[in-house]
Amino acid sequence: MDLISSRINETQVVTVNGSRIDASVAIQFKDRMREITAESDGRIVLDLHKVAFIDSSGLGAIVAAMKQLSNKQKLDLAGLTPTVDKVFRLTRMDTIFAIHADAISATDHRAV
């Protein structure tokens, strides 16, 4: 699972560099997220603008990534494509995560 980590302002942005988060990559996704976020404090934005498909395993992996964060960390989502956004809304996960239009707006201090 190819995840790219960068910093925008004081927020860690993790971009999924792939078109799918499904059962075939869910475990790799969780493991990579744990590695990437282990040294980070504060907000983490998961940028999903390249993800065109997510299944229940992928959704579960994102929730698991959120649950493995410390109390000092918070996971927000950004850049949901229409199909991925629909999955989050149908499963009511949009009530669990703050969802932003894109990574830039998610890292704007006024948006926090």
Protein backbone atom coordinates (compact mmCIF):
# COMPACT_ATOMS: atom_id res chain seq x y z
CA MET A 1 0.00 0.00 0.00
CA ASP A 2 1.57 3.22 -1.16
CA LEU A 3 0.97 6.04 1.32
CA ILE A 4 2.76 9.38 1.03
CA SER A 5 3.25 11.47 4.16
CA SER A 6 3.84 15.22 4.12
CA ARG A 7 3.28 18.22 6.37
CA ILE A 8 1.07 21.16 5.53
CA ASN A 9 1.14 23.85 8.20
CA GLU A 10 1.28 21.76 11.37
CA THR A 11 -0.84 18.90 10.06
CA GLN A 12 0.44 15.56 8.86
CA VAL A 13 -1.19 14.69 5.53
CA VAL A 14 -1.19 11.06 4.45
CA THR A 15 -2.13 10.64 0.80
CA VAL A 16 -3.30 7.27 -0.47
CA ASN A 17 -1.45 6.79 -3.75
CA GLY A 18 -3.80 4.19 -5.18
CA SER A 19 -7.29 3.84 -6.60
CA ARG A 20 -8.63 1.23 -4.18
CA ILE A 21 -8.75 0.42 -0.49
CA ASP A 22 -10.23 -3.05 -0.35
CA ALA A 23 -9.70 -6.46 1.24
CA SER A 24 -6.52 -7.06 -0.77
CA VAL A 25 -4.72 -4.07 0.83
CA ALA A 26 -6.58 -3.45 4.10
CA ILE A 27 -3.98 -5.05 6.39
CA GLN A 28 -1.11 -3.30 4.58
CA PHE A 29 -2.99 -0.02 4.88
CA LYS A 30 -3.41 -0.39 8.66
CA ASP A 31 0.23 -1.35 9.13
CA ARG A 32 1.53 1.56 7.01
CA MET A 33 -0.76 4.03 8.81
CA ARG A 34 0.58 2.79 12.16
CA GLU A 35 4.17 3.28 10.96
CA ILE A 36 3.53 6.73 9.51
CA THR A 37 1.53 8.11 12.43
CA ALA A 38 3.64 6.60 15.24
CA GLU A 39 5.84 9.69 15.61
CA SER A 40 3.16 12.29 14.95
CA ASP A 41 1.19 14.39 17.40
CA GLY A 42 -1.95 16.33 16.61
CA ARG A 43 -4.07 16.21 13.49
CA ILE A 44 -3.62 13.75 10.69
CA VAL A 45 -5.50 14.20 7.44
CA LEU A 46 -6.03 11.14 5.27
CA ASP A 47 -6.22 12.41 1.69
CA LEU A 48 -8.36 10.06 -0.40
CA HIS A 49 -8.60 12.09 -3.62
CA LYS A 50 -7.05 9.27 -5.69
CA VAL A 51 -9.26 6.52 -4.22
CA ALA A 52 -12.12 5.59 -6.54
CA PHE A 53 -13.30 2.48 -4.68
CA ILE A 54 -13.53 1.38 -1.07
CA ASP A 55 -15.18 -1.74 0.29
CA SER A 56 -16.14 -2.74 3.84
CA SER A 57 -12.61 -4.02 4.53
CA GLY A 58 -11.16 -0.68 3.43
CA LEU A 59 -13.65 1.20 5.56
CA GLY A 60 -12.78 -1.04 8.49
CA ALA A 61 -9.07 -0.39 7.92
CA ILE A 62 -9.61 3.38 8.08
CA VAL A 63 -11.61 3.01 11.30
CA ALA A 64 -8.88 0.74 12.72
CA ALA A 65 -6.25 3.33 11.77
CA MET A 66 -8.24 5.93 13.70
CA LYS A 67 -8.58 3.67 16.74
CA GLN A 68 -4.85 2.94 16.91
CA LEU A 69 -4.03 6.65 17.29
CA SER A 70 -3.10 8.07 20.66
CA ASN A 71 -5.29 10.50 22.59
CA LYS A 72 -3.11 13.35 21.27
CA GLN A 73 -3.95 12.50 17.67
CA LYS A 74 -7.04 13.04 15.52
CA LEU A 75 -7.79 11.62 12.07
CA ASP A 76 -9.72 13.69 9.53
CA LEU A 77 -10.51 12.77 5.94
CA ALA A 78 -10.16 14.86 2.80
CA GLY A 79 -10.74 14.65 -0.93
CA LEU A 80 -13.39 11.94 -1.01
CA THR A 81 -14.41 11.01 -4.53
CA PRO A 82 -18.19 10.74 -5.09
CA THR A 83 -18.19 6.93 -4.82
CA VAL A 84 -16.12 6.90 -1.63
CA ASP A 85 -18.17 9.74 -0.16
CA LYS A 86 -21.32 7.73 -0.80
CA VAL A 87 -19.91 4.74 1.13
CA PHE A 88 -19.08 6.97 4.12
CA ARG A 89 -22.56 8.51 4.09
CA LEU A 90 -24.43 5.21 3.64
CA THR A 91 -22.54 3.67 6.56
CA ARG A 92 -22.93 6.86 8.63
CA MET A 93 -19.15 7.07 9.03
CA ASP A 94 -19.48 10.71 7.97
CA THR A 95 -20.71 11.29 11.54
CA ILE A 96 -17.48 9.80 12.96
CA PHE A 97 -14.91 11.61 10.82
CA ALA A 98 -14.54 15.27 9.94
CA ILE A 99 -14.60 15.31 6.13
CA HIS A 100 -13.00 18.14 4.15
CA ALA A 101 -13.19 18.95 0.44
CA ASP A 102 -9.43 18.60 0.00
CA ALA A 103 -6.17 18.42 1.96
CA ILE A 104 -5.46 22.14 1.60
CA SER A 105 -8.79 23.19 3.14
CA ALA A 106 -8.36 20.54 5.84
CA THR A 107 -5.03 22.06 6.89
CA ASP A 108 -6.20 25.66 6.87
CA HIS A 109 -5.99 26.79 10.50
CA ARG A 110 -9.36 28.51 10.19
CA ALA A 111 -10.97 25.15 9.26
CA VAL A 112 -9.86 23.45 12.49
